[in-house]
Amino acid sequence: MKKTILKDDNGKSLEVNLKEFLDHLKEYHKAGISTHTQSGCSFTVDEEFRNKIKKLYEK
């Protein structure tokens, strides 16, 4: 299980399982710009963010 710590839009840290997080983004935040909230953290999801998560997962 590959995990990483992400900083949200406010600089708050959140540890995520990259596979689960990427799967969630593909299902619920597939295109355009949206907001993902989890455990009190908020992320602006756009193409740049999706690509960043994908690259982290593929490392």
PDB file of N, CA and C in Angstrom:
ATOM      1  N   MET A   1       0.863  -1.180   0.000  1.00  0.00           N
ATOM      2  CA  MET A   1       0.000   0.000   0.000  1.00  0.00           C
ATOM      3  C   MET A   1       0.906   1.239   0.000  1.00  0.00           C
ATOM      4  N   LYS A   2       0.782   2.030  -1.027  1.00  0.00           N
ATOM      5  CA  LYS A   2       1.616   3.218  -1.203  1.00  0.00           C
ATOM      6  C   LYS A   2       0.896   4.441  -0.626  1.00  0.00           C
ATOM      7  N   LYS A   3       1.527   5.072   0.360  1.00  0.00           N
ATOM      8  CA  LYS A   3       0.935   6.247   0.995  1.00  0.00           C
ATOM      9  C   LYS A   3       1.846   7.453   0.819  1.00  0.00           C
ATOM     10  N   THR A   4       1.233   8.622   0.908  1.00  0.00           N
ATOM     11  CA  THR A   4       1.995   9.854   0.884  1.00  0.00           C
ATOM     12  C   THR A   4       1.256  10.892   1.712  1.00  0.00           C
ATOM     13  N   ILE A   5       1.950  11.948   2.046  1.00  0.00           N
ATOM     14  CA  ILE A   5       1.328  13.055   2.772  1.00  0.00           C
ATOM     15  C   ILE A   5       1.156  14.210   1.802  1.00  0.00           C
ATOM     16  N   LEU A   6      -0.079  14.691   1.694  1.00  0.00           N
ATOM     17  CA  LEU A   6      -0.402  15.819   0.825  1.00  0.00           C
ATOM     18  C   LEU A   6      -0.711  17.038   1.673  1.00  0.00           C
ATOM     19  N   LYS A   7      -0.396  18.203   1.149  1.00  0.00           N
ATOM     20  CA  LYS A   7      -0.786  19.464   1.786  1.00  0.00           C
ATOM     21  C   LYS A   7      -2.029  19.966   1.069  1.00  0.00           C
ATOM     22  N   ASP A   8      -3.062  20.318   1.832  1.00  0.00           N
ATOM     23  CA  ASP A   8      -4.286  20.811   1.206  1.00  0.00           C
ATOM     24  C   ASP A   8      -4.144  22.290   0.845  1.00  0.00           C
ATOM     25  N   ASP A   9      -5.234  22.890   0.382  1.00  0.00           N
ATOM     26  CA  ASP A   9      -5.215  24.281  -0.065  1.00  0.00           C
ATOM     27  C   ASP A   9      -4.838  25.255   1.048  1.00  0.00           C
ATOM     28  N   ASN A  10      -4.996  24.826   2.296  1.00  0.00           N
ATOM     29  CA  ASN A  10      -4.682  25.692   3.437  1.00  0.00           C
ATOM     30  C   ASN A  10      -3.377  25.296   4.129  1.00  0.00           C
ATOM     31  N   GLY A  11      -2.635  24.358   3.522  1.00  0.00           N
ATOM     32  CA  GLY A  11      -1.364  23.943   4.100  1.00  0.00           C
ATOM     33  C   GLY A  11      -1.480  22.850   5.143  1.00  0.00           C
ATOM     34  N   LYS A  12      -2.666  22.299   5.326  1.00  0.00           N
ATOM     35  CA  LYS A  12      -2.908  21.243   6.295  1.00  0.00           C
ATOM     36  C   LYS A  12      -2.469  19.904   5.693  1.00  0.00           C
ATOM     37  N   SER A  13      -1.822  19.050   6.487  1.00  0.00           N
ATOM     38  CA  SER A  13      -1.313  17.767   6.005  1.00  0.00           C
ATOM     39  C   SER A  13      -2.331  16.653   6.150  1.00  0.00           C
ATOM     40  N   LEU A  14      -2.341  15.754   5.148  1.00  0.00           N
ATOM     41  CA  LEU A  14      -3.226  14.594   5.169  1.00  0.00           C
ATOM     42  C   LEU A  14      -2.490  13.421   4.546  1.00  0.00           C
ATOM     43  N   GLU A  15      -2.441  12.290   5.262  1.00  0.00           N
ATOM     44  CA  GLU A  15      -1.840  11.081   4.704  1.00  0.00           C
ATOM     45  C   GLU A  15      -2.912  10.339   3.916  1.00  0.00           C
ATOM     46  N   VAL A  16      -2.592   9.958   2.676  1.00  0.00           N
ATOM     47  CA  VAL A  16      -3.550   9.252   1.833  1.00  0.00           C
ATOM     48  C   VAL A  16      -2.908   8.004   1.237  1.00  0.00           C
ATOM     49  N   ASN A  17      -3.745   7.007   0.991  1.00  0.00           N
ATOM     50  CA  ASN A  17      -3.366   5.837   0.214  1.00  0.00           C
ATOM     51  C   ASN A  17      -3.491   6.276  -1.240  1.00  0.00           C
ATOM     52  N   LEU A  18      -2.390   6.289  -1.978  1.00  0.00           N
ATOM     53  CA  LEU A  18      -2.394   6.844  -3.334  1.00  0.00           C
ATOM     54  C   LEU A  18      -3.333   6.099  -4.282  1.00  0.00           C
ATOM     55  N   LYS A  19      -3.406   4.780  -4.192  1.00  0.00           N
ATOM     56  CA  LYS A  19      -4.288   4.010  -5.077  1.00  0.00           C
ATOM     57  C   LYS A  19      -5.743   4.380  -4.830  1.00  0.00           C
ATOM     58  N   GLU A  20      -6.147   4.390  -3.558  1.00  0.00           N
ATOM     59  CA  GLU A  20      -7.532   4.741  -3.217  1.00  0.00           C
ATOM     60  C   GLU A  20      -7.849   6.185  -3.614  1.00  0.00           C
ATOM     61  N   PHE A  21      -6.909   7.082  -3.365  1.00  0.00           N
ATOM     62  CA  PHE A  21      -7.120   8.496  -3.678  1.00  0.00           C
ATOM     63  C   PHE A  21      -7.243   8.697  -5.185  1.00  0.00           C
ATOM     64  N   LEU A  22      -6.357   8.059  -5.944  1.00  0.00           N
ATOM     65  CA  LEU A  22      -6.404   8.168  -7.401  1.00  0.00           C
ATOM     66  C   LEU A  22      -7.691   7.573  -7.952  1.00  0.00           C
ATOM     67  N   ASP A  23      -8.113   6.426  -7.425  1.00  0.00           N
ATOM     68  CA  ASP A  23      -9.379   5.812  -7.854  1.00  0.00           C
ATOM     69  C   ASP A  23     -10.551   6.745  -7.577  1.00  0.00           C
ATOM     70  N   HIS A  24     -10.536   7.392  -6.417  1.00  0.00           N
ATOM     71  CA  HIS A  24     -11.602   8.337  -6.068  1.00  0.00           C
ATOM     72  C   HIS A  24     -11.612   9.517  -7.045  1.00  0.00           C
ATOM     73  N   LEU A  25     -10.445  10.057  -7.341  1.00  0.00           N
ATOM     74  CA  LEU A  25     -10.365  11.183  -8.282  1.00  0.00           C
ATOM     75  C   LEU A  25     -10.900  10.787  -9.654  1.00  0.00           C
ATOM     76  N   LYS A  26     -10.560   9.578 -10.106  1.00  0.00           N
ATOM     77  CA  LYS A  26     -11.028   9.105 -11.415  1.00  0.00           C
ATOM     78  C   LYS A  26     -12.545   8.944 -11.450  1.00  0.00           C
ATOM     79  N   GLU A  27     -13.122   8.550 -10.324  1.00  0.00           N
ATOM     80  CA  GLU A  27     -14.573   8.323 -10.283  1.00  0.00           C
ATOM     81  C   GLU A  27     -15.376   9.608 -10.054  1.00  0.00           C
ATOM     82  N   TYR A  28     -14.934  10.448  -9.135  1.00  0.00           N
ATOM     83  CA  TYR A  28     -15.743  11.596  -8.720  1.00  0.00           C
ATOM     84  C   TYR A  28     -15.224  12.960  -9.187  1.00  0.00           C
ATOM     85  N   HIS A  29     -13.972  13.028  -9.611  1.00  0.00           N
ATOM     86  CA  HIS A  29     -13.375  14.307 -10.011  1.00  0.00           C
ATOM     87  C   HIS A  29     -12.645  14.142 -11.338  1.00  0.00           C
ATOM     88  N   LYS A  30     -13.300  13.452 -12.275  1.00  0.00           N
ATOM     89  CA  LYS A  30     -12.679  13.038 -13.534  1.00  0.00           C
ATOM     90  C   LYS A  30     -12.261  14.192 -14.434  1.00  0.00           C
ATOM     91  N   ALA A  31     -13.037  15.255 -14.475  1.00  0.00           N
ATOM     92  CA  ALA A  31     -12.749  16.356 -15.408  1.00  0.00           C
ATOM     93  C   ALA A  31     -13.139  17.691 -14.766  1.00  0.00           C
ATOM     94  N   GLY A  32     -12.596  18.751 -15.344  1.00  0.00           N
ATOM     95  CA  GLY A  32     -12.927  20.090 -14.862  1.00  0.00           C
ATOM     96  C   GLY A  32     -12.258  20.399 -13.538  1.00  0.00           C
ATOM     97  N   ILE A  33     -12.842  21.354 -12.833  1.00  0.00           N
ATOM     98  CA  ILE A  33     -12.308  21.788 -11.539  1.00  0.00           C
ATOM     99  C   ILE A  33     -13.377  21.554 -10.479  1.00  0.00           C
ATOM    100  N   SER A  34     -12.980  20.896  -9.402  1.00  0.00           N
ATOM    101  CA  SER A  34     -13.905  20.636  -8.301  1.00  0.00           C
ATOM    102  C   SER A  34     -13.124  20.684  -6.994  1.00  0.00           C
ATOM    103  N   THR A  35     -13.832  20.495  -5.895  1.00  0.00           N
ATOM    104  CA  THR A  35     -13.201  20.496  -4.579  1.00  0.00           C
ATOM    105  C   THR A  35     -13.402  19.139  -3.925  1.00  0.00           C
ATOM    106  N   HIS A  36     -12.322  18.580  -3.423  1.00  0.00           N
ATOM    107  CA  HIS A  36     -12.379  17.323  -2.679  1.00  0.00           C
ATOM    108  C   HIS A  36     -12.113  17.653  -1.218  1.00  0.00           C
ATOM    109  N   THR A  37     -12.996  17.196  -0.335  1.00  0.00           N
ATOM    110  CA  THR A  37     -12.783  17.390   1.100  1.00  0.00           C
ATOM    111  C   THR A  37     -12.673  16.027   1.767  1.00  0.00           C
ATOM    112  N   GLN A  38     -11.733  15.950   2.708  1.00  0.00           N
ATOM    113  CA  GLN A  38     -11.495  14.689   3.420  1.00  0.00           C
ATOM    114  C   GLN A  38     -10.828  15.001   4.743  1.00  0.00           C
ATOM    115  N   SER A  39     -11.385  14.489   5.814  1.00  0.00           N
ATOM    116  CA  SER A  39     -10.797  14.630   7.152  1.00  0.00           C
ATOM    117  C   SER A  39     -10.442  16.070   7.494  1.00  0.00           C
ATOM    118  N   GLY A  40     -11.309  17.004   7.136  1.00  0.00           N
ATOM    119  CA  GLY A  40     -11.089  18.406   7.449  1.00  0.00           C
ATOM    120  C   GLY A  40     -10.130  19.116   6.502  1.00  0.00           C
ATOM    121  N   CYS A  41      -9.687  18.421   5.458  1.00  0.00           N
ATOM    122  CA  CYS A  41      -8.793  19.018   4.461  1.00  0.00           C
ATOM    123  C   CYS A  41      -9.569  19.270   3.176  1.00  0.00           C
ATOM    124  N   SER A  42      -9.148  20.281   2.433  1.00  0.00           N
ATOM    125  CA  SER A  42      -9.832  20.659   1.198  1.00  0.00           C
ATOM    126  C   SER A  42      -8.805  20.822   0.071  1.00  0.00           C
ATOM    127  N   PHE A  43      -9.064  20.134  -1.038  1.00  0.00           N
ATOM    128  CA  PHE A  43      -8.168  20.166  -2.187  1.00  0.00           C
ATOM    129  C   PHE A  43      -8.916  20.653  -3.418  1.00  0.00           C
ATOM    130  N   THR A  44      -8.329  21.596  -4.152  1.00  0.00           N
ATOM    131  CA  THR A  44      -8.873  21.999  -5.441  1.00  0.00           C
ATOM    132  C   THR A  44      -8.354  20.983  -6.455  1.00  0.00           C
ATOM    133  N   VAL A  45      -9.281  20.263  -7.088  1.00  0.00           N
ATOM    134  CA  VAL A  45      -8.913  19.220  -8.037  1.00  0.00           C
ATOM    135  C   VAL A  45      -9.068  19.766  -9.452  1.00  0.00           C
ATOM    136  N   ASP A  46      -7.932  19.883 -10.135  1.00  0.00           N
ATOM    137  CA  ASP A  46      -7.923  20.290 -11.538  1.00  0.00           C
ATOM    138  C   ASP A  46      -6.967  19.348 -12.268  1.00  0.00           C
ATOM    139  N   GLU A  47      -6.740  19.582 -13.548  1.00  0.00           N
ATOM    140  CA  GLU A  47      -5.890  18.675 -14.330  1.00  0.00           C
ATOM    141  C   GLU A  47      -4.479  18.588 -13.749  1.00  0.00           C
ATOM    142  N   GLU A  48      -3.942  19.688 -13.300  1.00  0.00           N
ATOM    143  CA  GLU A  48      -2.599  19.700 -12.704  1.00  0.00           C
ATOM    144  C   GLU A  48      -2.543  18.824 -11.451  1.00  0.00           C
ATOM    145  N   PHE A  49      -3.561  18.931 -10.597  1.00  0.00           N
ATOM    146  CA  PHE A  49      -3.611  18.132  -9.366  1.00  0.00           C
ATOM    147  C   PHE A  49      -3.749  16.646  -9.698  1.00  0.00           C
ATOM    148  N   ARG A  50      -4.648  16.306 -10.643  1.00  0.00           N
ATOM    149  CA  ARG A  50      -4.820  14.906 -11.043  1.00  0.00           C
ATOM    150  C   ARG A  50      -3.497  14.330 -11.572  1.00  0.00           C
ATOM    151  N   ASN A  51      -2.780  15.104 -12.388  1.00  0.00           N
ATOM    152  CA  ASN A  51      -1.501  14.646 -12.925  1.00  0.00           C
ATOM    153  C   ASN A  51      -0.462  14.460 -11.823  1.00  0.00           C
ATOM    154  N   LYS A  52      -0.447  15.349 -10.839  1.00  0.00           N
ATOM    155  CA  LYS A  52       0.483  15.247  -9.713  1.00  0.00           C
ATOM    156  C   LYS A  52       0.263  13.946  -8.944  1.00  0.00           C
ATOM    157  N   ILE A  53      -1.005  13.623  -8.663  1.00  0.00           N
ATOM    158  CA  ILE A  53      -1.324  12.406  -7.919  1.00  0.00           C
ATOM    159  C   ILE A  53      -0.960  11.168  -8.740  1.00  0.00           C
ATOM    160  N   LYS A  54      -1.251  11.218 -10.023  1.00  0.00           N
ATOM    161  CA  LYS A  54      -0.925  10.097 -10.915  1.00  0.00           C
ATOM    162  C   LYS A  54       0.587   9.845 -10.945  1.00  0.00           C
ATOM    163  N   LYS A  55       1.378  10.913 -11.041  1.00  0.00           N
ATOM    164  CA  LYS A  55       2.842  10.770 -11.057  1.00  0.00           C
ATOM    165  C   LYS A  55       3.361  10.219  -9.732  1.00  0.00           C
ATOM    166  N   LEU A  56       2.808  10.672  -8.612  1.00  0.00           N
ATOM    167  CA  LEU A  56       3.215  10.146  -7.310  1.00  0.00           C
ATOM    168  C   LEU A  56       2.919   8.645  -7.219  1.00  0.00           C
ATOM    169  N   TYR A  57       1.782   8.246  -7.739  1.00  0.00           N
ATOM    170  CA  TYR A  57       1.386   6.833  -7.691  1.00  0.00           C
ATOM    171  C   TYR A  57       2.310   5.988  -8.575  1.00  0.00           C
ATOM    172  N   GLU A  58       2.709   6.509  -9.714  1.00  0.00           N
ATOM    173  CA  GLU A  58       3.524   5.750 -10.662  1.00  0.00           C
ATOM    174  C   GLU A  58       4.993   5.655 -10.278  1.00  0.00           C
ATOM    175  N   LYS A  59       5.439   6.449  -9.314  1.00  0.00           N
ATOM    176  CA  LYS A  59       6.848   6.410  -8.873  1.00  0.00           C
ATOM    177  C   LYS A  59       7.194   5.059  -8.271  1.00  0.00           C
TER     178      LYS A  59
END
